[in-house]
């Protein structure tokens, strides 16, 4: 699955030691979609190398590819949105500046209009 939007919150990284004794780290982010009725989605990146590689900052426009996974723990169900690919969206480009007015070949450029009197009698 895939969703695009703006990162509005970067939550603190969490970590610990697994049952097998290996270290783990995850970080969660809140993304707000760009729809008529925006939705907020909390997704996570798992693994310190992936977190550092992504280097997600608040305010960035991203497209996130993710998997949804639910699991049961002591009779309660929990759902995770696990990101597996992060793409930065190009920032909106400013509209190009209009080209300068060019006079037709062979014609003198137009004189600016002014209210000042000049010394010419006509």
PDB file of N, CA and C in Angstrom:
ATOM      1  N   UNK A   1       0.849  -1.170   0.000  1.00  0.00           N
ATOM      2  CA  UNK A   1       0.000   0.000   0.000  1.00  0.00           C
ATOM      3  C   UNK A   1       0.895   1.234   0.000  1.00  0.00           C
ATOM      4  N   UNK A   2       0.293   2.373  -0.358  1.00  0.00           N
ATOM      5  CA  UNK A   2       1.074   3.591  -0.497  1.00  0.00           C
ATOM      6  C   UNK A   2       0.211   4.789  -0.114  1.00  0.00           C
ATOM      7  N   UNK A   3       0.827   5.776   0.523  1.00  0.00           N
ATOM      8  CA  UNK A   3       0.124   6.999   0.890  1.00  0.00           C
ATOM      9  C   UNK A   3       1.116   8.162   0.795  1.00  0.00           C
ATOM     10  N   UNK A   4       0.592   9.336   0.415  1.00  0.00           N
ATOM     11  CA  UNK A   4       1.427  10.534   0.314  1.00  0.00           C
ATOM     12  C   UNK A   4       0.878  11.605   1.236  1.00  0.00           C
ATOM     13  N   UNK A   5       1.780  12.435   1.744  1.00  0.00           N
ATOM     14  CA  UNK A   5       1.366  13.527   2.605  1.00  0.00           C
ATOM     15  C   UNK A   5       2.553  14.204   3.238  1.00  0.00           C
ATOM     16  N   UNK A   6       2.262  15.003   4.253  1.00  0.00           N
ATOM     17  CA  UNK A   6       3.269  15.808   4.940  1.00  0.00           C
ATOM     18  C   UNK A   6       3.498  15.249   6.342  1.00  0.00           C
ATOM     19  N   UNK A   7       4.765  15.143   6.731  1.00  0.00           N
ATOM     20  CA  UNK A   7       5.098  14.699   8.090  1.00  0.00           C
ATOM     21  C   UNK A   7       4.802  15.857   9.035  1.00  0.00           C
ATOM     22  N   UNK A   8       3.901  15.625   9.987  1.00  0.00           N
ATOM     23  CA  UNK A   8       3.556  16.695  10.916  1.00  0.00           C
ATOM     24  C   UNK A   8       4.179  16.486  12.294  1.00  0.00           C
ATOM     25  N   UNK A   9       4.502  15.227  12.635  1.00  0.00           N
ATOM     26  CA  UNK A   9       5.122  14.931  13.934  1.00  0.00           C
ATOM     27  C   UNK A   9       6.137  13.811  13.754  1.00  0.00           C
ATOM     28  N   UNK A  10       7.316  13.981  14.361  1.00  0.00           N
ATOM     29  CA  UNK A  10       8.319  12.917  14.450  1.00  0.00           C
ATOM     30  C   UNK A  10       8.379  12.543  15.926  1.00  0.00           C
ATOM     31  N   UNK A  11       7.915  11.339  16.252  1.00  0.00           N
ATOM     32  CA  UNK A  11       7.901  10.888  17.642  1.00  0.00           C
ATOM     33  C   UNK A  11       9.295  10.402  18.049  1.00  0.00           C
ATOM     34  N   UNK A  12       9.595  10.397  19.346  1.00  0.00           N
ATOM     35  CA  UNK A  12      10.915   9.947  19.795  1.00  0.00           C
ATOM     36  C   UNK A  12      11.150   8.469  19.451  1.00  0.00           C
ATOM     37  N   UNK A  13      12.408   8.155  19.177  1.00  0.00           N
ATOM     38  CA  UNK A  13      12.778   6.762  18.878  1.00  0.00           C
ATOM     39  C   UNK A  13      12.614   5.913  20.143  1.00  0.00           C
ATOM     40  N   UNK A  14      12.245   4.657  19.933  1.00  0.00           N
ATOM     41  CA  UNK A  14      12.099   3.703  21.031  1.00  0.00           C
ATOM     42  C   UNK A  14      13.019   2.522  20.754  1.00  0.00           C
ATOM     43  N   UNK A  15      13.501   1.902  21.793  1.00  0.00           N
ATOM     44  CA  UNK A  15      14.385   0.768  21.591  1.00  0.00           C
ATOM     45  C   UNK A  15      14.397  -0.139  22.806  1.00  0.00           C
ATOM     46  N   UNK A  16      15.090  -1.253  22.650  1.00  0.00           N
ATOM     47  CA  UNK A  16      15.178  -2.202  23.746  1.00  0.00           C
ATOM     48  C   UNK A  16      15.972  -3.422  23.324  1.00  0.00           C
ATOM     49  N   UNK A  17      15.857  -4.464  24.148  1.00  0.00           N
ATOM     50  CA  UNK A  17      16.533  -5.732  23.905  1.00  0.00           C
ATOM     51  C   UNK A  17      15.453  -6.807  23.740  1.00  0.00           C
ATOM     52  N   UNK A  18      15.563  -7.588  22.662  1.00  0.00           N
ATOM     53  CA  UNK A  18      14.576  -8.637  22.400  1.00  0.00           C
ATOM     54  C   UNK A  18      14.824  -9.845  23.309  1.00  0.00           C
ATOM     55  N   UNK A  19      13.894 -10.802  23.275  1.00  0.00           N
ATOM     56  CA  UNK A  19      14.043 -12.030  24.067  1.00  0.00           C
ATOM     57  C   UNK A  19      15.326 -12.773  23.718  1.00  0.00           C
ATOM     58  N   UNK A  20      15.719 -12.679  22.442  1.00  0.00           N
ATOM     59  CA  UNK A  20      16.933 -13.378  21.998  1.00  0.00           C
ATOM     60  C   UNK A  20      18.206 -12.604  22.363  1.00  0.00           C
ATOM     61  N   UNK A  21      18.053 -11.409  22.928  1.00  0.00           N
ATOM     62  CA  UNK A  21      19.201 -10.630  23.368  1.00  0.00           C
ATOM     63  C   UNK A  21      19.732  -9.625  22.360  1.00  0.00           C
ATOM     64  N   UNK A  22      19.073  -9.502  21.222  1.00  0.00           N
ATOM     65  CA  UNK A  22      19.546  -8.522  20.243  1.00  0.00           C
ATOM     66  C   UNK A  22      18.850  -7.176  20.471  1.00  0.00           C
ATOM     67  N   UNK A  23      19.564  -6.128  20.122  1.00  0.00           N
ATOM     68  CA  UNK A  23      19.047  -4.778  20.301  1.00  0.00           C
ATOM     69  C   UNK A  23      18.108  -4.413  19.156  1.00  0.00           C
ATOM     70  N   UNK A  24      17.035  -3.660  19.448  1.00  0.00           N
ATOM     71  CA  UNK A  24      16.120  -3.208  18.412  1.00  0.00           C
ATOM     72  C   UNK A  24      15.806  -1.725  18.627  1.00  0.00           C
ATOM     73  N   UNK A  25      15.377  -1.075  17.546  1.00  0.00           N
ATOM     74  CA  UNK A  25      15.017   0.340  17.601  1.00  0.00           C
ATOM     75  C   UNK A  25      13.925   0.597  16.575  1.00  0.00           C
ATOM     76  N   UNK A  26      12.947   1.425  16.940  1.00  0.00           N
ATOM     77  CA  UNK A  26      11.892   1.834  16.008  1.00  0.00           C
ATOM     78  C   UNK A  26      11.582   3.303  16.243  1.00  0.00           C
ATOM     79  N   UNK A  27      11.039   3.947  15.199  1.00  0.00           N
ATOM     80  CA  UNK A  27      10.617   5.332  15.322  1.00  0.00           C
ATOM     81  C   UNK A  27       9.307   5.493  14.579  1.00  0.00           C
ATOM     82  N   UNK A  28       8.403   6.270  15.195  1.00  0.00           N
ATOM     83  CA  UNK A  28       7.084   6.491  14.602  1.00  0.00           C
ATOM     84  C   UNK A  28       6.966   7.937  14.119  1.00  0.00           C
ATOM     85  N   UNK A  29       6.166   8.090  13.073  1.00  0.00           N
ATOM     86  CA  UNK A  29       5.957   9.383  12.429  1.00  0.00           C
ATOM     87  C   UNK A  29       4.463   9.546  12.152  1.00  0.00           C
ATOM     88  N   UNK A  30       3.994  10.783  12.209  1.00  0.00           N
ATOM     89  CA  UNK A  30       2.598  11.073  11.880  1.00  0.00           C
ATOM     90  C   UNK A  30       2.590  11.811  10.538  1.00  0.00           C
ATOM     91  N   UNK A  31       1.887  11.225   9.573  1.00  0.00           N
ATOM     92  CA  UNK A  31       1.767  11.790   8.231  1.00  0.00           C
ATOM     93  C   UNK A  31       0.330  12.251   8.042  1.00  0.00           C
ATOM     94  N   UNK A  32       0.150  13.464   7.490  1.00  0.00           N
ATOM     95  CA  UNK A  32      -1.189  13.983   7.200  1.00  0.00           C
ATOM     96  C   UNK A  32      -1.371  13.995   5.690  1.00  0.00           C
ATOM     97  N   UNK A  33      -2.433  13.369   5.229  1.00  0.00           N
ATOM     98  CA  UNK A  33      -2.692  13.279   3.797  1.00  0.00           C
ATOM     99  C   UNK A  33      -3.179  14.614   3.259  1.00  0.00           C
ATOM    100  N   UNK A  34      -3.120  14.754   1.929  1.00  0.00           N
ATOM    101  CA  UNK A  34      -3.538  15.986   1.252  1.00  0.00           C
ATOM    102  C   UNK A  34      -4.865  15.736   0.527  1.00  0.00           C
ATOM    103  N   UNK A  35      -5.902  15.465   1.275  1.00  0.00           N
ATOM    104  CA  UNK A  35      -7.227  15.207   0.711  1.00  0.00           C
ATOM    105  C   UNK A  35      -8.171  16.299   1.172  1.00  0.00           C
ATOM    106  N   UNK A  36      -9.396  16.268   0.652  1.00  0.00           N
ATOM    107  CA  UNK A  36     -10.389  17.244   1.090  1.00  0.00           C
ATOM    108  C   UNK A  36     -10.590  17.128   2.599  1.00  0.00           C
ATOM    109  N   UNK A  37     -10.625  15.910   3.096  1.00  0.00           N
ATOM    110  CA  UNK A  37     -10.717  15.647   4.534  1.00  0.00           C
ATOM    111  C   UNK A  37      -9.443  14.903   4.926  1.00  0.00           C
ATOM    112  N   UNK A  38      -8.389  15.650   5.315  1.00  0.00           N
ATOM    113  CA  UNK A  38      -7.088  15.024   5.589  1.00  0.00           C
ATOM    114  C   UNK A  38      -7.181  13.987   6.705  1.00  0.00           C
ATOM    115  N   UNK A  39      -6.403  12.933   6.529  1.00  0.00           N
ATOM    116  CA  UNK A  39      -6.313  11.867   7.531  1.00  0.00           C
ATOM    117  C   UNK A  39      -4.904  11.872   8.095  1.00  0.00           C
ATOM    118  N   UNK A  40      -4.794  11.514   9.361  1.00  0.00           N
ATOM    119  CA  UNK A  40      -3.498  11.386  10.004  1.00  0.00           C
ATOM    120  C   UNK A  40      -3.186   9.897  10.140  1.00  0.00           C
ATOM    121  N   UNK A  41      -1.963   9.522   9.732  1.00  0.00           N
ATOM    122  CA  UNK A  41      -1.564   8.119   9.754  1.00  0.00           C
ATOM    123  C   UNK A  41      -0.260   8.011  10.534  1.00  0.00           C
ATOM    124  N   UNK A  42      -0.236   7.139  11.531  1.00  0.00           N
ATOM    125  CA  UNK A  42       0.971   6.878  12.298  1.00  0.00           C
ATOM    126  C   UNK A  42       1.631   5.636  11.706  1.00  0.00           C
ATOM    127  N   UNK A  43       2.858   5.810  11.162  1.00  0.00           N
ATOM    128  CA  UNK A  43       3.595   4.668  10.627  1.00  0.00           C
ATOM    129  C   UNK A  43       4.937   4.575  11.344  1.00  0.00           C
ATOM    130  N   UNK A  44       5.575   3.430  11.221  1.00  0.00           N
ATOM    131  CA  UNK A  44       6.850   3.246  11.900  1.00  0.00           C
ATOM    132  C   UNK A  44       7.913   2.683  10.974  1.00  0.00           C
ATOM    133  N   UNK A  45       9.151   3.041  11.303  1.00  0.00           N
ATOM    134  CA  UNK A  45      10.323   2.446  10.666  1.00  0.00           C
ATOM    135  C   UNK A  45      11.003   1.614  11.732  1.00  0.00           C
ATOM    136  N   UNK A  46      11.422   0.415  11.375  1.00  0.00           N
ATOM    137  CA  UNK A  46      12.041  -0.487  12.331  1.00  0.00           C
ATOM    138  C   UNK A  46      13.493  -0.712  11.928  1.00  0.00           C
ATOM    139  N   UNK A  47      14.403  -0.521  12.852  1.00  0.00           N
ATOM    140  CA  UNK A  47      15.831  -0.733  12.621  1.00  0.00           C
ATOM    141  C   UNK A  47      16.581   0.586  12.594  1.00  0.00           C
ATOM    142  N   UNK A  48      17.632   0.693  13.395  1.00  0.00           N
ATOM    143  CA  UNK A  48      18.371   1.958  13.494  1.00  0.00           C
ATOM    144  C   UNK A  48      18.990   2.365  12.161  1.00  0.00           C
ATOM    145  N   UNK A  49      19.448   1.391  11.364  1.00  0.00           N
ATOM    146  CA  UNK A  49      20.039   1.743  10.068  1.00  0.00           C
ATOM    147  C   UNK A  49      19.005   2.347   9.126  1.00  0.00           C
ATOM    148  N   UNK A  50      17.798   1.811   9.106  1.00  0.00           N
ATOM    149  CA  UNK A  50      16.737   2.346   8.239  1.00  0.00           C
ATOM    150  C   UNK A  50      16.269   3.717   8.719  1.00  0.00           C
ATOM    151  N   UNK A  51      16.223   3.916  10.038  1.00  0.00           N
ATOM    152  CA  UNK A  51      15.816   5.206  10.605  1.00  0.00           C
ATOM    153  C   UNK A  51      16.836   6.279  10.213  1.00  0.00           C
ATOM    154  N   UNK A  52      18.109   5.966  10.365  1.00  0.00           N
ATOM    155  CA  UNK A  52      19.162   6.926  10.014  1.00  0.00           C
ATOM    156  C   UNK A  52      19.194   7.189   8.518  1.00  0.00           C
ATOM    157  N   UNK A  53      19.003   6.152   7.721  1.00  0.00           N
ATOM    158  CA  UNK A  53      19.030   6.304   6.268  1.00  0.00           C
ATOM    159  C   UNK A  53      17.881   7.196   5.791  1.00  0.00           C
ATOM    160  N   UNK A  54      16.702   7.015   6.368  1.00  0.00           N
ATOM    161  CA  UNK A  54      15.532   7.805   5.953  1.00  0.00           C
ATOM    162  C   UNK A  54      15.652   9.254   6.420  1.00  0.00           C
ATOM    163  N   UNK A  55      16.169   9.476   7.623  1.00  0.00           N
ATOM    164  CA  UNK A  55      16.364  10.828   8.179  1.00  0.00           C
ATOM    165  C   UNK A  55      15.140  11.715   7.949  1.00  0.00           C
ATOM    166  N   UNK A  56      13.977  11.251   8.345  1.00  0.00           N
ATOM    167  CA  UNK A  56      12.722  11.979   8.131  1.00  0.00           C
ATOM    168  C   UNK A  56      12.622  13.144   9.103  1.00  0.00           C
ATOM    169  N   UNK A  57      12.238  14.306   8.566  1.00  0.00           N
ATOM    170  CA  UNK A  57      12.079  15.524   9.360  1.00  0.00           C
ATOM    171  C   UNK A  57      10.636  16.022   9.249  1.00  0.00           C
ATOM    172  N   UNK A  58      10.177  16.690  10.290  1.00  0.00           N
ATOM    173  CA  UNK A  58       8.840  17.284  10.261  1.00  0.00           C
ATOM    174  C   UNK A  58       8.773  18.309   9.139  1.00  0.00           C
ATOM    175  N   UNK A  59       7.649  18.347   8.437  1.00  0.00           N
ATOM    176  CA  UNK A  59       7.437  19.289   7.349  1.00  0.00           C
ATOM    177  C   UNK A  59       7.742  18.726   5.973  1.00  0.00           C
ATOM    178  N   UNK A  60       8.361  17.545   5.909  1.00  0.00           N
ATOM    179  CA  UNK A  60       8.695  16.955   4.614  1.00  0.00           C
ATOM    180  C   UNK A  60       7.467  16.356   3.945  1.00  0.00           C
ATOM    181  N   UNK A  61       7.436  16.433   2.621  1.00  0.00           N
ATOM    182  CA  UNK A  61       6.403  15.803   1.810  1.00  0.00           C
ATOM    183  C   UNK A  61       6.946  14.446   1.361  1.00  0.00           C
ATOM    184  N   UNK A  62       6.244  13.369   1.728  1.00  0.00           N
ATOM    185  CA  UNK A  62       6.722  12.022   1.444  1.00  0.00           C
ATOM    186  C   UNK A  62       5.650  11.159   0.812  1.00  0.00           C
ATOM    187  N   UNK A  63       6.096  10.114   0.132  1.00  0.00           N
ATOM    188  CA  UNK A  63       5.238   9.017  -0.270  1.00  0.00           C
ATOM    189  C   UNK A  63       5.780   7.788   0.451  1.00  0.00           C
ATOM    190  N   UNK A  64       4.927   7.153   1.227  1.00  0.00           N
ATOM    191  CA  UNK A  64       5.346   6.028   2.061  1.00  0.00           C
ATOM    192  C   UNK A  64       4.676   4.753   1.555  1.00  0.00           C
ATOM    193  N   UNK A  65       5.501   3.741   1.273  1.00  0.00           N
ATOM    194  CA  UNK A  65       4.988   2.407   0.940  1.00  0.00           C
ATOM    195  C   UNK A  65       5.050   1.593   2.232  1.00  0.00           C
ATOM    196  N   UNK A  66       3.984   0.872   2.542  1.00  0.00           N
ATOM    197  CA  UNK A  66       3.937   0.211   3.844  1.00  0.00           C
ATOM    198  C   UNK A  66       3.128  -1.082   3.782  1.00  0.00           C
ATOM    199  N   UNK A  67       3.295  -1.879   4.827  1.00  0.00           N
ATOM    200  CA  UNK A  67       2.497  -3.083   5.070  1.00  0.00           C
ATOM    201  C   UNK A  67       1.733  -2.867   6.367  1.00  0.00           C
ATOM    202  N   UNK A  68       0.559  -3.453   6.445  1.00  0.00           N
ATOM    203  CA  UNK A  68      -0.239  -3.392   7.661  1.00  0.00           C
ATOM    204  C   UNK A  68      -0.198  -4.768   8.307  1.00  0.00           C
ATOM    205  N   UNK A  69       0.082  -4.780   9.615  1.00  0.00           N
ATOM    206  CA  UNK A  69       0.189  -6.043  10.335  1.00  0.00           C
ATOM    207  C   UNK A  69      -0.530  -5.915  11.681  1.00  0.00           C
ATOM    208  N   UNK A  70      -1.377  -6.874  12.001  1.00  0.00           N
ATOM    209  CA  UNK A  70      -2.070  -6.891  13.289  1.00  0.00           C
ATOM    210  C   UNK A  70      -1.637  -8.118  14.060  1.00  0.00           C
ATOM    211  N   UNK A  71      -1.567  -7.984  15.388  1.00  0.00           N
ATOM    212  CA  UNK A  71      -1.206  -9.112  16.233  1.00  0.00           C
ATOM    213  C   UNK A  71      -2.000  -9.052  17.537  1.00  0.00           C
ATOM    214  N   UNK A  72      -2.149 -10.184  18.153  1.00  0.00           N
ATOM    215  CA  UNK A  72      -2.904 -10.291  19.402  1.00  0.00           C
ATOM    216  C   UNK A  72      -1.919 -10.405  20.563  1.00  0.00           C
ATOM    217  N   UNK A  73      -2.210  -9.699  21.646  1.00  0.00           N
ATOM    218  CA  UNK A  73      -1.415  -9.802  22.860  1.00  0.00           C
ATOM    219  C   UNK A  73      -2.360  -9.709  24.047  1.00  0.00           C
ATOM    220  N   UNK A  74      -2.440 -10.779  24.814  1.00  0.00           N
ATOM    221  CA  UNK A  74      -3.288 -10.872  26.001  1.00  0.00           C
ATOM    222  C   UNK A  74      -4.732 -10.460  25.725  1.00  0.00           C
ATOM    223  N   UNK A  75      -5.268 -10.989  24.632  1.00  0.00           N
ATOM    224  CA  UNK A  75      -6.667 -10.767  24.295  1.00  0.00           C
ATOM    225  C   UNK A  75      -6.961  -9.442  23.602  1.00  0.00           C
ATOM    226  N   UNK A  76      -5.937  -8.621  23.384  1.00  0.00           N
ATOM    227  CA  UNK A  76      -6.133  -7.344  22.686  1.00  0.00           C
ATOM    228  C   UNK A  76      -5.392  -7.393  21.366  1.00  0.00           C
ATOM    229  N   UNK A  77      -5.926  -6.666  20.380  1.00  0.00           N
ATOM    230  CA  UNK A  77      -5.313  -6.627  19.056  1.00  0.00           C
ATOM    231  C   UNK A  77      -4.654  -5.284  18.821  1.00  0.00           C
ATOM    232  N   UNK A  78      -3.479  -5.335  18.221  1.00  0.00           N
ATOM    233  CA  UNK A  78      -2.692  -4.141  17.909  1.00  0.00           C
ATOM    234  C   UNK A  78      -2.341  -4.167  16.427  1.00  0.00           C
ATOM    235  N   UNK A  79      -2.407  -3.006  15.802  1.00  0.00           N
ATOM    236  CA  UNK A  79      -2.110  -2.899  14.369  1.00  0.00           C
ATOM    237  C   UNK A  79      -0.932  -1.962  14.169  1.00  0.00           C
ATOM    238  N   UNK A  80       0.012  -2.400  13.352  1.00  0.00           N
ATOM    239  CA  UNK A  80       1.177  -1.587  13.002  1.00  0.00           C
ATOM    240  C   UNK A  80       1.168  -1.294  11.514  1.00  0.00           C
ATOM    241  N   UNK A  81       1.575  -0.094  11.171  1.00  0.00           N
ATOM    242  CA  UNK A  81       1.788   0.284   9.775  1.00  0.00           C
ATOM    243  C   UNK A  81       3.299   0.401   9.618  1.00  0.00           C
ATOM    244  N   UNK A  82       3.896  -0.610   8.980  1.00  0.00           N
ATOM    245  CA  UNK A  82       5.347  -0.712   8.855  1.00  0.00           C
ATOM    246  C   UNK A  82       5.805  -0.221   7.487  1.00  0.00           C
ATOM    247  N   UNK A  83       6.531   0.900   7.477  1.00  0.00           N
ATOM    248  CA  UNK A  83       7.042   1.464   6.226  1.00  0.00           C
ATOM    249  C   UNK A  83       8.201   0.621   5.724  1.00  0.00           C
ATOM    250  N   UNK A  84       8.227   0.366   4.412  1.00  0.00           N
ATOM    251  CA  UNK A  84       9.346  -0.362   3.825  1.00  0.00           C
ATOM    252  C   UNK A  84      10.018   0.431   2.716  1.00  0.00           C
ATOM    253  N   UNK A  85       9.405   1.560   2.329  1.00  0.00           N
ATOM    254  CA  UNK A  85      10.017   2.424   1.321  1.00  0.00           C
ATOM    255  C   UNK A  85       9.527   3.849   1.539  1.00  0.00           C
ATOM    256  N   UNK A  86      10.478   4.788   1.531  1.00  0.00           N
ATOM    257  CA  UNK A  86      10.175   6.206   1.722  1.00  0.00           C
ATOM    258  C   UNK A  86      10.690   6.960   0.501  1.00  0.00           C
ATOM    259  N   UNK A  87       9.826   7.757  -0.120  1.00  0.00           N
ATOM    260  CA  UNK A  87      10.230   8.587  -1.256  1.00  0.00           C
ATOM    261  C   UNK A  87       9.898  10.023  -0.930  1.00  0.00           C
ATOM    262  N   UNK A  88      10.873  10.892  -1.121  1.00  0.00           N
ATOM    263  CA  UNK A  88      10.633  12.320  -0.910  1.00  0.00           C
ATOM    264  C   UNK A  88       9.970  12.892  -2.152  1.00  0.00           C
ATOM    265  N   UNK A  89       8.897  13.619  -1.937  1.00  0.00           N
ATOM    266  CA  UNK A  89       8.193  14.264  -3.046  1.00  0.00           C
ATOM    267  C   UNK A  89       8.915  15.559  -3.370  1.00  0.00           C
ATOM    268  N   UNK A  90       8.960  15.884  -4.651  1.00  0.00           N
ATOM    269  CA  UNK A  90       9.601  17.130  -5.071  1.00  0.00           C
ATOM    270  C   UNK A  90       8.821  18.293  -4.493  1.00  0.00           C
ATOM    271  N   UNK A  91       9.527  19.306  -3.973  1.00  0.00           N
ATOM    272  CA  UNK A  91       8.805  20.467  -3.452  1.00  0.00           C
ATOM    273  C   UNK A  91       8.091  21.177  -4.581  1.00  0.00           C
ATOM    274  N   UNK A  92       6.975  21.806  -4.284  1.00  0.00           N
ATOM    275  CA  UNK A  92       6.251  22.512  -5.335  1.00  0.00           C
ATOM    276  C   UNK A  92       7.160  23.571  -5.944  1.00  0.00           C
ATOM    277  N   UNK A  93       7.227  23.584  -7.263  1.00  0.00           N
ATOM    278  CA  UNK A  93       8.096  24.540  -7.933  1.00  0.00           C
ATOM    279  C   UNK A  93       7.352  25.843  -8.158  1.00  0.00           C
ATOM    280  N   UNK A  94       8.101  26.919  -8.024  1.00  0.00           N
ATOM    281  CA  UNK A  94       7.504  28.239  -8.260  1.00  0.00           C
ATOM    282  C   UNK A  94       7.169  28.359  -9.736  1.00  0.00           C
ATOM    283  N   UNK A  95       6.113  29.075 -10.010  1.00  0.00           N
ATOM    284  CA  UNK A  95       5.733  29.235 -11.413  1.00  0.00           C
ATOM    285  C   UNK A  95       6.839  29.995 -12.133  1.00  0.00           C
ATOM    286  N   UNK A  96       7.138  29.599 -13.356  1.00  0.00           N
ATOM    287  CA  UNK A  96       8.224  30.272 -14.071  1.00  0.00           C
ATOM    288  C   UNK A  96       7.886  31.731 -14.307  1.00  0.00           C
ATOM    289  N   UNK A  97       8.932  32.565 -14.303  1.00  0.00           N
ATOM    290  CA  UNK A  97       8.707  33.991 -14.525  1.00  0.00           C
ATOM    291  C   UNK A  97       8.407  34.224 -15.994  1.00  0.00           C
ATOM    292  N   UNK A  98       7.468  35.104 -16.284  1.00  0.00           N
ATOM    293  CA  UNK A  98       7.137  35.348 -17.687  1.00  0.00           C
ATOM    294  C   UNK A  98       8.327  35.989 -18.384  1.00  0.00           C
ATOM    295  N   UNK A  99       8.519  35.678 -19.664  1.00  0.00           N
ATOM    296  CA  UNK A  99       9.648  36.262 -20.383  1.00  0.00           C
ATOM    297  C   UNK A  99       9.463  37.768 -20.530  1.00  0.00           C
ATOM    298  N   UNK A 100      10.590  38.468 -20.630  1.00  0.00           N
ATOM    299  CA  UNK A 100      10.545  39.920 -20.783  1.00  0.00           C
ATOM    300  C   UNK A 100       9.906  40.260 -22.133  1.00  0.00           C
ATOM    301  N   UNK A 101       9.231  41.393 -22.172  1.00  0.00           N
ATOM    302  CA  UNK A 101       8.583  41.811 -23.422  1.00  0.00           C
ATOM    303  C   UNK A 101       9.654  42.085 -24.471  1.00  0.00           C
ATOM    304  N   UNK A 102       9.458  41.537 -25.623  1.00  0.00           N
ATOM    305  CA  UNK A 102      10.408  41.705 -26.709  1.00  0.00           C
ATOM    306  C   UNK A 102       9.696  42.455 -27.823  1.00  0.00           C
ATOM    307  N   UNK A 103      10.357  43.518 -28.339  1.00  0.00           N
ATOM    308  CA  UNK A 103       9.720  44.263 -29.422  1.00  0.00           C
ATOM    309  C   UNK A 103       9.969  43.542 -30.738  1.00  0.00           C
ATOM    310  N   UNK A 104       9.104  43.795 -31.689  1.00  0.00           N
ATOM    311  CA  UNK A 104       9.241  43.155 -33.001  1.00  0.00           C
ATOM    312  C   UNK A 104      10.497  43.682 -33.682  1.00  0.00           C
ATOM    313  N   UNK A 105      11.168  42.861 -34.488  1.00  0.00           N
ATOM    314  CA  UNK A 105      12.391  43.313 -35.146  1.00  0.00           C
ATOM    315  C   UNK A 105      12.113  44.511 -36.054  1.00  0.00           C
ATOM    316  N   UNK A 106      13.043  45.456 -36.033  1.00  0.00           N
ATOM    317  CA  UNK A 106      12.931  46.621 -36.895  1.00  0.00           C
ATOM    318  C   UNK A 106      12.119  47.745 -36.289  1.00  0.00           C
ATOM    319  N   UNK A 107      11.403  47.503 -35.171  1.00  0.00           N
ATOM    320  CA  UNK A 107      10.625  48.558 -34.539  1.00  0.00           C
ATOM    321  C   UNK A 107      11.378  49.050 -33.309  1.00  0.00           C
ATOM    322  N   UNK A 108      11.332  50.363 -33.046  1.00  0.00           N
ATOM    323  CA  UNK A 108      12.010  50.860 -31.845  1.00  0.00           C
ATOM    324  C   UNK A 108      11.251  50.404 -30.600  1.00  0.00           C
ATOM    325  N   UNK A 109      11.960  50.213 -29.502  1.00  0.00           N
ATOM    326  CA  UNK A 109      11.253  49.817 -28.267  1.00  0.00           C
ATOM    327  C   UNK A 109      10.289  50.919 -27.853  1.00  0.00           C
ATOM    328  N   UNK A 110       9.219  50.497 -27.201  1.00  0.00           N
ATOM    329  CA  UNK A 110       8.213  51.466 -26.782  1.00  0.00           C
ATOM    330  C   UNK A 110       8.769  52.319 -25.657  1.00  0.00           C
ATOM    331  N   UNK A 111       8.472  53.607 -25.730  1.00  0.00           N
ATOM    332  CA  UNK A 111       8.910  54.526 -24.686  1.00  0.00           C
ATOM    333  C   UNK A 111       7.945  54.412 -23.516  1.00  0.00           C
ATOM    334  N   UNK A 112       8.469  54.481 -22.299  1.00  0.00           N
ATOM    335  CA  UNK A 112       7.563  54.409 -21.151  1.00  0.00           C
ATOM    336  C   UNK A 112       6.675  55.647 -21.097  1.00  0.00           C
ATOM    337  N   UNK A 113       5.463  55.460 -20.643  1.00  0.00           N
ATOM    338  CA  UNK A 113       4.533  56.571 -20.519  1.00  0.00           C
ATOM    339  C   UNK A 113       4.867  57.347 -19.260  1.00  0.00           C
ATOM    340  N   UNK A 114       4.841  58.645 -19.367  1.00  0.00           N
ATOM    341  CA  UNK A 114       5.080  59.443 -18.170  1.00  0.00           C
ATOM    342  C   UNK A 114       4.297  60.742 -18.297  1.00  0.00           C
ATOM    343  N   UNK A 115       4.098  61.377 -17.187  1.00  0.00           N
ATOM    344  CA  UNK A 115       3.384  62.637 -17.159  1.00  0.00           C
ATOM    345  C   UNK A 115       4.341  63.823 -17.233  1.00  0.00           C
ATOM    346  N   UNK A 116       5.619  63.582 -17.372  1.00  0.00           N
ATOM    347  CA  UNK A 116       6.609  64.657 -17.419  1.00  0.00           C
ATOM    348  C   UNK A 116       6.585  65.317 -18.791  1.00  0.00           C
ATOM    349  N   UNK A 117       6.728  66.631 -18.818  1.00  0.00           N
ATOM    350  CA  UNK A 117       6.819  67.354 -20.086  1.00  0.00           C
ATOM    351  C   UNK A 117       8.247  67.228 -20.583  1.00  0.00           C
ATOM    352  N   UNK A 118       8.378  67.037 -21.876  1.00  0.00           N
ATOM    353  CA  UNK A 118       9.715  67.056 -22.447  1.00  0.00           C
ATOM    354  C   UNK A 118       9.876  68.322 -23.289  1.00  0.00           C
ATOM    355  N   UNK A 119      11.061  68.555 -23.776  1.00  0.00           N
ATOM    356  CA  UNK A 119      11.371  69.776 -24.486  1.00  0.00           C
ATOM    357  C   UNK A 119      10.909  69.763 -25.944  1.00  0.00           C
ATOM    358  N   UNK A 120      10.369  68.691 -26.425  1.00  0.00           N
ATOM    359  CA  UNK A 120       9.952  68.605 -27.826  1.00  0.00           C
ATOM    360  C   UNK A 120       8.618  69.317 -28.018  1.00  0.00           C
ATOM    361  N   UNK A 121       8.473  70.054 -29.135  1.00  0.00           N
ATOM    362  CA  UNK A 121       7.229  70.796 -29.329  1.00  0.00           C
ATOM    363  C   UNK A 121       6.053  69.928 -29.759  1.00  0.00           C
ATOM    364  N   UNK A 122       6.223  68.711 -30.094  1.00  0.00           N
ATOM    365  CA  UNK A 122       5.109  67.886 -30.549  1.00  0.00           C
ATOM    366  C   UNK A 122       4.872  66.717 -29.667  1.00  0.00           C
TER     367      UNK A 122
END
